[in-house]
Amino acid sequence: MTRTIRLVIGAAMCFSFSGTASATEGTTVSELISDSEAIAGSEVTVEGELVGDYGFRQDGWMWTQLNGDDYVHFPILDGGEPTGGNTGVGVRMPVELGQGLDPPGGYRNRGPIVMVTGVWKHHDPARQGESYLEATSLTIVESGRPRSQDPQWLVMLVGLGLLAGSLVLWRTSRRD
């Protein structure tokens, strides 16, 4: 193989790999928070779980919270390890994007995992200084689902035992 052909093939491979990498890269919630001012006004794509509530407003917009921490992919109830606090940002989207979404995440539900694309607003003066993602598109990565947690029978038995023991101590102390 001549040197020129090898260079052309090598350059083509570099361009094809770099195009693939940039197409799949996104911004994390942590980056939005830590680099908020630098990212302001940029279009970003963020993956996370919709949590809390869906606030449908009469002005045609919906507000919600997008969590983008480790618990999105490794929830504790599904065997994930505690790795710190929850990290999320506000999302403002046209009501049409929020129609038909599974219930948001909370104690009883795992919210939908979504990819949200939109413009990052840093201390938006039109919204009393709020920083948030103004969504232009939303893609569901994983549907939401109800959560269930089996009762912890050992904990309940120990608790009942302690309660019974305290009642016995209370009764004996009252006789004295």
N, C-alpha and C. Protein backbone atom coordinates (compact mmCIF):
# COMPACT_ATOMS: atom_id res chain seq x y z
N MET A 1 0.84 -1.17 0.00
CA MET A 1 0.00 0.00 0.00
C MET A 1 0.89 1.24 0.00
N THR A 2 0.55 2.16 -0.83
CA THR A 2 1.37 3.35 -0.88
C THR A 2 1.08 4.24 0.32
N ARG A 3 2.01 5.10 0.57
CA ARG A 3 1.89 6.00 1.72
C ARG A 3 0.68 6.93 1.58
N THR A 4 0.39 7.41 0.40
CA THR A 4 -0.73 8.30 0.17
C THR A 4 -2.06 7.61 0.48
N ILE A 5 -2.21 6.36 0.05
CA ILE A 5 -3.45 5.64 0.31
C ILE A 5 -3.63 5.43 1.81
N ARG A 6 -2.54 5.08 2.50
CA ARG A 6 -2.63 4.90 3.96
C ARG A 6 -3.03 6.20 4.65
N LEU A 7 -2.50 7.32 4.20
CA LEU A 7 -2.86 8.61 4.80
C LEU A 7 -4.33 8.94 4.55
N VAL A 8 -4.82 8.68 3.35
CA VAL A 8 -6.22 8.97 3.03
C VAL A 8 -7.14 8.08 3.88
N ILE A 9 -6.81 6.81 4.00
CA ILE A 9 -7.62 5.89 4.81
C ILE A 9 -7.57 6.30 6.28
N GLY A 10 -6.39 6.64 6.78
CA GLY A 10 -6.25 7.08 8.18
C GLY A 10 -7.05 8.35 8.45
N ALA A 11 -6.99 9.31 7.53
CA ALA A 11 -7.75 10.56 7.72
C ALA A 11 -9.25 10.29 7.69
N ALA A 12 -9.69 9.43 6.77
CA ALA A 12 -11.12 9.10 6.69
C ALA A 12 -11.59 8.43 7.98
N MET A 13 -10.77 7.56 8.54
CA MET A 13 -11.15 6.89 9.79
C MET A 13 -11.24 7.90 10.93
N CYS A 14 -10.30 8.82 11.01
CA CYS A 14 -10.33 9.84 12.07
C CYS A 14 -11.59 10.69 11.97
N PHE A 15 -11.94 11.13 10.75
CA PHE A 15 -13.14 11.94 10.58
C PHE A 15 -14.40 11.16 10.92
N SER A 16 -14.45 9.90 10.53
CA SER A 16 -15.66 9.12 10.82
C SER A 16 -15.81 8.88 12.30
N PHE A 17 -14.72 8.60 13.02
CA PHE A 17 -14.80 8.38 14.47
C PHE A 17 -15.12 9.67 15.20
N SER A 18 -14.55 10.79 14.78
CA SER A 18 -14.82 12.04 15.49
C SER A 18 -16.26 12.48 15.30
N GLY A 19 -16.85 12.23 14.13
CA GLY A 19 -18.24 12.56 13.90
C GLY A 19 -19.16 11.73 14.77
N THR A 20 -18.83 10.48 14.95
CA THR A 20 -19.64 9.60 15.78
C THR A 20 -19.57 10.04 17.23
N ALA A 21 -18.41 10.38 17.72
CA ALA A 21 -18.25 10.77 19.12
C ALA A 21 -19.03 12.04 19.42
N SER A 22 -18.94 13.03 18.56
CA SER A 22 -19.62 14.29 18.87
C SER A 22 -21.13 14.14 18.78
N ALA A 23 -21.61 13.23 17.95
CA ALA A 23 -23.06 13.06 17.83
C ALA A 23 -23.66 12.42 19.07
N THR A 24 -22.87 11.61 19.80
CA THR A 24 -23.42 10.93 20.95
C THR A 24 -23.10 11.64 22.26
N GLU A 25 -22.24 12.62 22.24
CA GLU A 25 -21.90 13.32 23.47
C GLU A 25 -23.05 14.21 23.91
N GLY A 26 -23.25 14.29 25.20
CA GLY A 26 -24.26 15.17 25.74
C GLY A 26 -23.69 15.96 26.89
N THR A 27 -24.50 16.79 27.45
CA THR A 27 -24.13 17.57 28.62
C THR A 27 -24.78 16.92 29.83
N THR A 28 -24.08 16.90 30.94
CA THR A 28 -24.65 16.33 32.15
C THR A 28 -25.29 17.44 32.99
N VAL A 29 -26.15 17.03 33.89
CA VAL A 29 -26.76 17.98 34.82
C VAL A 29 -25.67 18.65 35.65
N SER A 30 -24.68 17.88 36.08
CA SER A 30 -23.58 18.45 36.87
C SER A 30 -22.84 19.54 36.10
N GLU A 31 -22.64 19.33 34.80
CA GLU A 31 -21.98 20.35 33.98
C GLU A 31 -22.85 21.60 33.86
N LEU A 32 -24.16 21.41 33.72
CA LEU A 32 -25.05 22.58 33.66
C LEU A 32 -24.94 23.41 34.93
N ILE A 33 -24.85 22.72 36.06
CA ILE A 33 -24.78 23.44 37.33
C ILE A 33 -23.42 24.09 37.53
N SER A 34 -22.35 23.34 37.28
CA SER A 34 -21.01 23.88 37.56
C SER A 34 -20.54 24.89 36.52
N ASP A 35 -20.96 24.76 35.26
CA ASP A 35 -20.54 25.67 34.20
C ASP A 35 -21.71 26.49 33.68
N SER A 36 -22.67 26.78 34.53
CA SER A 36 -23.93 27.40 34.14
C SER A 36 -23.75 28.66 33.30
N GLU A 37 -22.91 29.55 33.76
CA GLU A 37 -22.75 30.83 33.05
C GLU A 37 -22.08 30.63 31.70
N ALA A 38 -21.09 29.74 31.63
CA ALA A 38 -20.38 29.50 30.37
C ALA A 38 -21.28 28.82 29.33
N ILE A 39 -22.21 27.99 29.78
CA ILE A 39 -23.09 27.25 28.86
C ILE A 39 -24.32 28.09 28.48
N ALA A 40 -24.58 29.17 29.20
CA ALA A 40 -25.79 29.99 28.98
C ALA A 40 -25.98 30.31 27.50
N GLY A 41 -27.22 30.10 27.03
CA GLY A 41 -27.57 30.40 25.65
C GLY A 41 -27.23 29.30 24.67
N SER A 42 -26.56 28.25 25.13
CA SER A 42 -26.17 27.14 24.25
C SER A 42 -27.26 26.10 24.19
N GLU A 43 -27.35 25.44 23.04
CA GLU A 43 -28.25 24.30 22.93
C GLU A 43 -27.51 23.08 23.47
N VAL A 44 -28.15 22.37 24.37
CA VAL A 44 -27.56 21.19 25.01
C VAL A 44 -28.55 20.03 24.97
N THR A 45 -28.03 18.83 25.12
CA THR A 45 -28.84 17.64 25.26
C THR A 45 -28.44 16.98 26.57
N VAL A 46 -29.43 16.71 27.41
CA VAL A 46 -29.19 16.18 28.75
C VAL A 46 -30.08 14.96 28.95
N GLU A 47 -29.52 13.91 29.56
CA GLU A 47 -30.30 12.73 29.90
C GLU A 47 -30.56 12.70 31.39
N GLY A 48 -31.76 12.27 31.76
CA GLY A 48 -32.07 12.16 33.17
C GLY A 48 -33.47 11.64 33.40
N GLU A 49 -33.85 11.60 34.68
CA GLU A 49 -35.18 11.13 35.09
C GLU A 49 -36.04 12.33 35.45
N LEU A 50 -37.25 12.36 34.92
CA LEU A 50 -38.20 13.40 35.29
C LEU A 50 -38.78 13.05 36.66
N VAL A 51 -38.67 13.98 37.62
CA VAL A 51 -39.08 13.71 39.00
C VAL A 51 -39.93 14.84 39.55
N GLY A 52 -40.59 14.55 40.65
CA GLY A 52 -41.29 15.58 41.41
C GLY A 52 -42.72 15.80 41.00
N ASP A 53 -42.93 16.62 39.98
CA ASP A 53 -44.27 17.00 39.57
C ASP A 53 -44.20 17.56 38.16
N TYR A 54 -45.33 17.56 37.48
CA TYR A 54 -45.46 18.25 36.20
C TYR A 54 -46.35 19.44 36.44
N GLY A 55 -45.78 20.62 36.32
CA GLY A 55 -46.55 21.84 36.54
C GLY A 55 -47.01 22.43 35.22
N PHE A 56 -48.25 22.09 34.83
CA PHE A 56 -48.81 22.63 33.59
C PHE A 56 -49.33 24.04 33.86
N ARG A 57 -48.84 25.00 33.08
CA ARG A 57 -49.23 26.40 33.27
C ARG A 57 -50.21 26.83 32.18
N GLN A 58 -50.97 27.85 32.47
CA GLN A 58 -51.95 28.34 31.50
C GLN A 58 -51.31 29.07 30.33
N ASP A 59 -50.02 29.39 30.45
CA ASP A 59 -49.35 30.09 29.34
C ASP A 59 -48.83 29.13 28.27
N GLY A 60 -49.19 27.82 28.37
CA GLY A 60 -48.79 26.85 27.35
C GLY A 60 -47.46 26.16 27.64
N TRP A 61 -46.94 26.36 28.85
CA TRP A 61 -45.66 25.75 29.22
C TRP A 61 -45.86 24.80 30.39
N MET A 62 -44.95 23.85 30.50
CA MET A 62 -44.94 22.90 31.61
C MET A 62 -43.57 22.96 32.27
N TRP A 63 -43.54 22.92 33.59
CA TRP A 63 -42.29 22.89 34.36
C TRP A 63 -42.15 21.53 35.03
N THR A 64 -40.93 21.05 35.11
CA THR A 64 -40.64 19.83 35.83
C THR A 64 -39.17 19.84 36.25
N GLN A 65 -38.75 18.79 36.91
CA GLN A 65 -37.37 18.65 37.38
C GLN A 65 -36.73 17.47 36.65
N LEU A 66 -35.50 17.64 36.19
CA LEU A 66 -34.73 16.59 35.53
C LEU A 66 -33.55 16.24 36.42
N ASN A 67 -33.57 15.04 37.00
CA ASN A 67 -32.44 14.59 37.81
C ASN A 67 -31.46 13.86 36.91
N GLY A 68 -30.19 14.15 37.11
CA GLY A 68 -29.17 13.54 36.27
C GLY A 68 -28.02 12.98 37.09
N ASP A 69 -28.32 12.38 38.24
CA ASP A 69 -27.29 11.82 39.11
C ASP A 69 -27.16 10.32 38.87
N ASP A 70 -26.34 9.65 39.69
CA ASP A 70 -26.12 8.21 39.53
C ASP A 70 -27.39 7.39 39.72
N TYR A 71 -28.36 7.92 40.46
CA TYR A 71 -29.58 7.17 40.76
C TYR A 71 -30.48 7.01 39.53
N VAL A 72 -30.23 7.78 38.49
CA VAL A 72 -31.02 7.64 37.27
C VAL A 72 -30.87 6.22 36.71
N HIS A 73 -29.64 5.74 36.66
CA HIS A 73 -29.39 4.42 36.08
C HIS A 73 -29.21 3.33 37.12
N PHE A 74 -28.94 3.71 38.37
CA PHE A 74 -28.71 2.73 39.43
C PHE A 74 -29.48 3.11 40.70
N PRO A 75 -30.84 3.05 40.64
CA PRO A 75 -31.62 3.41 41.83
C PRO A 75 -31.35 2.45 42.98
N ILE A 76 -31.40 2.97 44.18
CA ILE A 76 -31.13 2.16 45.36
C ILE A 76 -32.11 0.99 45.46
N LEU A 77 -33.40 1.23 45.18
CA LEU A 77 -34.39 0.15 45.27
C LEU A 77 -34.15 -0.96 44.25
N ASP A 78 -33.37 -0.65 43.21
CA ASP A 78 -33.02 -1.67 42.21
C ASP A 78 -31.64 -2.24 42.45
N GLY A 79 -31.06 -2.00 43.62
CA GLY A 79 -29.75 -2.55 43.96
C GLY A 79 -28.59 -1.59 43.84
N GLY A 80 -28.84 -0.35 43.45
CA GLY A 80 -27.77 0.64 43.36
C GLY A 80 -27.25 1.03 44.73
N GLU A 81 -26.02 1.48 44.78
CA GLU A 81 -25.39 1.91 46.03
C GLU A 81 -25.61 3.40 46.27
N PRO A 82 -25.73 3.81 47.52
CA PRO A 82 -25.80 5.25 47.81
C PRO A 82 -24.51 5.94 47.38
N THR A 83 -24.62 6.97 46.55
CA THR A 83 -23.44 7.64 46.02
C THR A 83 -23.47 9.14 46.20
N GLY A 84 -24.33 9.62 47.06
CA GLY A 84 -24.41 11.07 47.27
C GLY A 84 -25.82 11.56 47.09
N GLY A 85 -25.95 12.86 46.94
CA GLY A 85 -27.27 13.47 46.84
C GLY A 85 -27.83 13.45 45.44
N ASN A 86 -29.08 13.85 45.34
CA ASN A 86 -29.72 13.99 44.04
C ASN A 86 -29.30 15.30 43.41
N THR A 87 -29.11 15.29 42.10
CA THR A 87 -28.72 16.48 41.37
C THR A 87 -29.69 16.69 40.22
N GLY A 88 -30.32 17.85 40.18
CA GLY A 88 -31.28 18.09 39.12
C GLY A 88 -31.38 19.55 38.75
N VAL A 89 -32.03 19.79 37.61
CA VAL A 89 -32.27 21.15 37.13
C VAL A 89 -33.73 21.26 36.70
N GLY A 90 -34.22 22.48 36.71
CA GLY A 90 -35.56 22.73 36.22
C GLY A 90 -35.61 22.66 34.70
N VAL A 91 -36.76 22.20 34.20
CA VAL A 91 -36.97 22.13 32.75
C VAL A 91 -38.30 22.81 32.46
N ARG A 92 -38.28 23.69 31.47
CA ARG A 92 -39.49 24.36 30.99
C ARG A 92 -39.68 23.91 29.56
N MET A 93 -40.88 23.36 29.28
CA MET A 93 -41.11 22.85 27.93
C MET A 93 -42.53 23.19 27.48
N PRO A 94 -42.74 23.25 26.17
CA PRO A 94 -44.11 23.44 25.69
C PRO A 94 -44.98 22.29 26.18
N VAL A 95 -46.22 22.59 26.52
CA VAL A 95 -47.15 21.59 27.05
C VAL A 95 -47.21 20.36 26.15
N GLU A 96 -47.13 20.56 24.84
CA GLU A 96 -47.23 19.43 23.90
C GLU A 96 -46.14 18.38 24.16
N LEU A 97 -44.96 18.79 24.58
CA LEU A 97 -43.88 17.84 24.85
C LEU A 97 -44.18 17.00 26.09
N GLY A 98 -44.95 17.56 27.02
CA GLY A 98 -45.24 16.86 28.26
C GLY A 98 -46.48 16.00 28.23
N GLN A 99 -47.24 16.07 27.15
CA GLN A 99 -48.47 15.29 27.06
C GLN A 99 -48.15 13.80 26.98
N GLY A 100 -48.85 12.99 27.78
CA GLY A 100 -48.71 11.54 27.70
C GLY A 100 -47.50 10.96 28.40
N LEU A 101 -46.74 11.77 29.13
CA LEU A 101 -45.59 11.23 29.85
C LEU A 101 -46.05 10.36 31.02
N ASP A 102 -45.27 9.33 31.32
CA ASP A 102 -45.54 8.54 32.53
C ASP A 102 -45.38 9.45 33.74
N PRO A 103 -46.00 9.07 34.88
CA PRO A 103 -45.89 9.92 36.07
C PRO A 103 -44.43 10.18 36.44
N PRO A 104 -44.16 11.36 37.01
CA PRO A 104 -42.79 11.70 37.39
C PRO A 104 -42.29 10.81 38.52
N GLY A 105 -40.98 10.72 38.64
CA GLY A 105 -40.38 9.91 39.68
C GLY A 105 -40.61 10.48 41.07
N GLY A 106 -40.66 9.59 42.02
CA GLY A 106 -40.84 9.92 43.42
C GLY A 106 -40.73 8.65 44.23
N TYR A 107 -41.26 8.67 45.42
CA TYR A 107 -41.15 7.51 46.29
C TYR A 107 -41.83 6.29 45.69
N ARG A 108 -42.99 6.46 45.07
CA ARG A 108 -43.76 5.33 44.56
C ARG A 108 -43.57 5.06 43.06
N ASN A 109 -42.92 5.96 42.33
CA ASN A 109 -42.74 5.81 40.89
C ASN A 109 -41.31 6.07 40.48
N ARG A 110 -40.88 5.34 39.48
CA ARG A 110 -39.65 5.69 38.78
C ARG A 110 -40.12 6.49 37.58
N GLY A 111 -39.63 7.71 37.47
CA GLY A 111 -40.07 8.57 36.37
C GLY A 111 -39.45 8.15 35.05
N PRO A 112 -39.98 8.69 33.96
CA PRO A 112 -39.40 8.35 32.67
C PRO A 112 -37.98 8.89 32.54
N ILE A 113 -37.12 8.09 31.93
CA ILE A 113 -35.76 8.53 31.62
C ILE A 113 -35.84 9.15 30.22
N VAL A 114 -35.37 10.37 30.09
CA VAL A 114 -35.54 11.11 28.84
C VAL A 114 -34.23 11.77 28.41
N MET A 115 -34.17 12.07 27.12
CA MET A 115 -33.12 12.94 26.56
C MET A 115 -33.84 14.24 26.20
N VAL A 116 -33.41 15.32 26.82
CA VAL A 116 -34.04 16.62 26.58
C VAL A 116 -33.03 17.51 25.87
N THR A 117 -33.45 18.09 24.77
CA THR A 117 -32.62 19.05 24.05
C THR A 117 -33.30 20.41 24.17
N GLY A 118 -32.47 21.41 24.44
CA GLY A 118 -33.01 22.76 24.57
C GLY A 118 -31.90 23.76 24.84
N VAL A 119 -32.29 24.96 25.14
CA VAL A 119 -31.36 26.06 25.40
C VAL A 119 -31.24 26.26 26.90
N TRP A 120 -29.99 26.29 27.40
CA TRP A 120 -29.75 26.51 28.82
C TRP A 120 -29.87 27.99 29.13
N LYS A 121 -30.71 28.31 30.10
CA LYS A 121 -30.94 29.69 30.53
C LYS A 121 -30.29 29.88 31.90
N HIS A 122 -29.31 30.75 31.98
CA HIS A 122 -28.61 31.04 33.24
C HIS A 122 -29.15 32.34 33.83
N HIS A 123 -29.74 32.25 35.01
CA HIS A 123 -30.28 33.42 35.71
C HIS A 123 -31.12 34.29 34.76
N ASP A 124 -32.11 33.67 34.15
CA ASP A 124 -32.97 34.34 33.18
C ASP A 124 -33.75 35.48 33.84
N PRO A 125 -33.50 36.73 33.43
CA PRO A 125 -34.21 37.86 34.05
C PRO A 125 -35.72 37.81 33.79
N ALA A 126 -36.15 37.17 32.71
CA ALA A 126 -37.58 37.05 32.43
C ALA A 126 -38.27 36.07 33.38
N ARG A 127 -37.49 35.29 34.12
CA ARG A 127 -38.03 34.30 35.06
C ARG A 127 -37.46 34.53 36.46
N GLN A 128 -37.32 35.78 36.86
CA GLN A 128 -36.85 36.16 38.19
C GLN A 128 -35.49 35.54 38.55
N GLY A 129 -34.62 35.39 37.56
CA GLY A 129 -33.27 34.89 37.81
C GLY A 129 -33.14 33.39 37.87
N GLU A 130 -34.17 32.68 37.46
CA GLU A 130 -34.15 31.21 37.47
C GLU A 130 -33.18 30.69 36.40
N SER A 131 -32.45 29.62 36.74
CA SER A 131 -31.63 28.90 35.75
C SER A 131 -32.37 27.61 35.42
N TYR A 132 -32.52 27.32 34.13
CA TYR A 132 -33.31 26.17 33.72
C TYR A 132 -33.01 25.82 32.27
N LEU A 133 -33.48 24.67 31.86
CA LEU A 133 -33.36 24.23 30.48
C LEU A 133 -34.70 24.45 29.78
N GLU A 134 -34.69 25.25 28.73
CA GLU A 134 -35.92 25.46 27.97
C GLU A 134 -35.92 24.46 26.82
N ALA A 135 -36.73 23.42 26.96
CA ALA A 135 -36.71 22.27 26.05
C ALA A 135 -37.35 22.59 24.71
N THR A 136 -36.71 22.06 23.66
CA THR A 136 -37.28 22.14 22.32
C THR A 136 -37.66 20.74 21.81
N SER A 137 -37.05 19.70 22.41
CA SER A 137 -37.43 18.33 22.06
C SER A 137 -37.19 17.43 23.25
N LEU A 138 -37.93 16.33 23.26
CA LEU A 138 -37.83 15.36 24.34
C LEU A 138 -37.99 13.96 23.73
N THR A 139 -37.07 13.07 24.08
CA THR A 139 -37.13 11.69 23.62
C THR A 139 -37.15 10.78 24.84
N ILE A 140 -38.09 9.85 24.88
CA ILE A 140 -38.16 8.91 25.99
C ILE A 140 -37.15 7.80 25.76
N VAL A 141 -36.23 7.64 26.72
CA VAL A 141 -35.22 6.59 26.66
C VAL A 141 -35.74 5.32 27.33
N GLU A 142 -36.43 5.51 28.46
CA GLU A 142 -36.99 4.40 29.22
C GLU A 142 -38.29 4.87 29.87
N SER A 143 -39.34 4.07 29.74
CA SER A 143 -40.62 4.43 30.33
C SER A 143 -40.54 4.42 31.85
N GLY A 144 -41.39 5.21 32.47
CA GLY A 144 -41.52 5.18 33.92
C GLY A 144 -42.24 3.92 34.36
N ARG A 145 -42.17 3.65 35.65
CA ARG A 145 -42.84 2.45 36.18
C ARG A 145 -43.09 2.62 37.67
N PRO A 146 -44.09 1.90 38.17
CA PRO A 146 -44.32 1.94 39.62
C PRO A 146 -43.17 1.25 40.35
N ARG A 147 -42.91 1.73 41.55
CA ARG A 147 -41.90 1.10 42.40
C ARG A 147 -42.61 0.34 43.50
N SER A 148 -41.98 -0.73 43.91
CA SER A 148 -42.51 -1.44 45.08
C SER A 148 -41.33 -1.82 45.96
N GLN A 149 -41.58 -1.81 47.23
CA GLN A 149 -40.55 -2.17 48.19
C GLN A 149 -41.17 -3.18 49.14
N ASP A 150 -40.56 -4.35 49.21
CA ASP A 150 -41.06 -5.38 50.11
C ASP A 150 -40.87 -4.93 51.56
N PRO A 151 -41.79 -5.34 52.44
CA PRO A 151 -41.64 -4.98 53.85
C PRO A 151 -40.36 -5.59 54.42
N GLN A 152 -39.73 -4.87 55.30
CA GLN A 152 -38.52 -5.36 55.97
C GLN A 152 -38.97 -5.97 57.29
N TRP A 153 -39.27 -7.26 57.23
CA TRP A 153 -39.87 -7.95 58.37
C TRP A 153 -38.96 -7.94 59.59
N LEU A 154 -37.67 -8.11 59.42
CA LEU A 154 -36.76 -8.12 60.55
C LEU A 154 -36.78 -6.78 61.28
N VAL A 155 -36.76 -5.71 60.51
CA VAL A 155 -36.80 -4.37 61.12
C VAL A 155 -38.11 -4.18 61.88
N MET A 156 -39.22 -4.63 61.29
CA MET A 156 -40.50 -4.49 61.97
C MET A 156 -40.55 -5.33 63.25
N LEU A 157 -40.00 -6.54 63.23
CA LEU A 157 -39.98 -7.38 64.43
C LEU A 157 -39.12 -6.77 65.53
N VAL A 158 -37.97 -6.25 65.17
CA VAL A 158 -37.11 -5.59 66.17
C VAL A 158 -37.84 -4.38 66.75
N GLY A 159 -38.50 -3.59 65.89
CA GLY A 159 -39.25 -2.44 66.37
C GLY A 159 -40.36 -2.83 67.33
N LEU A 160 -41.11 -3.87 66.98
CA LEU A 160 -42.17 -4.34 67.87
C LEU A 160 -41.60 -4.86 69.19
N GLY A 161 -40.46 -5.55 69.12
CA GLY A 161 -39.81 -6.03 70.33
C GLY A 161 -39.38 -4.88 71.23
N LEU A 162 -38.81 -3.84 70.65
CA LEU A 162 -38.41 -2.67 71.44
C LEU A 162 -39.63 -1.97 72.04
N LEU A 163 -40.69 -1.88 71.27
CA LEU A 163 -41.92 -1.27 71.79
C LEU A 163 -42.48 -2.09 72.96
N ALA A 164 -42.51 -3.41 72.80
CA ALA A 164 -43.01 -4.28 73.88
C ALA A 164 -42.12 -4.15 75.12
N GLY A 165 -40.81 -4.13 74.90
CA GLY A 165 -39.88 -3.97 76.03
C GLY A 165 -40.06 -2.65 76.74
N SER A 166 -40.29 -1.58 76.01
CA SER A 166 -40.48 -0.27 76.65
C SER A 166 -41.79 -0.24 77.42
N LEU A 167 -42.83 -0.90 76.91
CA LEU A 167 -44.09 -0.97 77.65
C LEU A 167 -43.93 -1.74 78.96
N VAL A 168 -43.17 -2.83 78.92
CA VAL A 168 -42.92 -3.61 80.15
C VAL A 168 -42.16 -2.76 81.15
N LEU A 169 -41.12 -2.07 80.71
CA LEU A 169 -40.34 -1.20 81.61
C LEU A 169 -41.21 -0.08 82.17
N TRP A 170 -42.06 0.48 81.35
CA TRP A 170 -42.93 1.56 81.80
C TRP A 170 -43.90 1.05 82.87
N ARG A 171 -44.47 -0.12 82.63
CA ARG A 171 -45.42 -0.69 83.61
C ARG A 171 -44.72 -1.00 84.93
N THR A 172 -43.53 -1.57 84.86
CA THR A 172 -42.82 -1.90 86.12
C THR A 172 -42.37 -0.64 86.85
N SER A 173 -42.03 0.41 86.14
CA SER A 173 -41.60 1.64 86.81
C SER A 173 -42.79 2.35 87.45
N ARG A 174 -43.97 2.19 86.96
CA ARG A 174 -45.16 2.81 87.53
C ARG A 174 -45.60 2.11 88.82
N ARG A 175 -45.25 0.84 88.97
CA ARG A 175 -45.62 0.11 90.19
C ARG A 175 -44.75 0.53 91.37
N ASP A 176 -43.57 0.98 91.07
CA ASP A 176 -42.63 1.32 92.15
C ASP A 176 -42.97 2.60 92.84
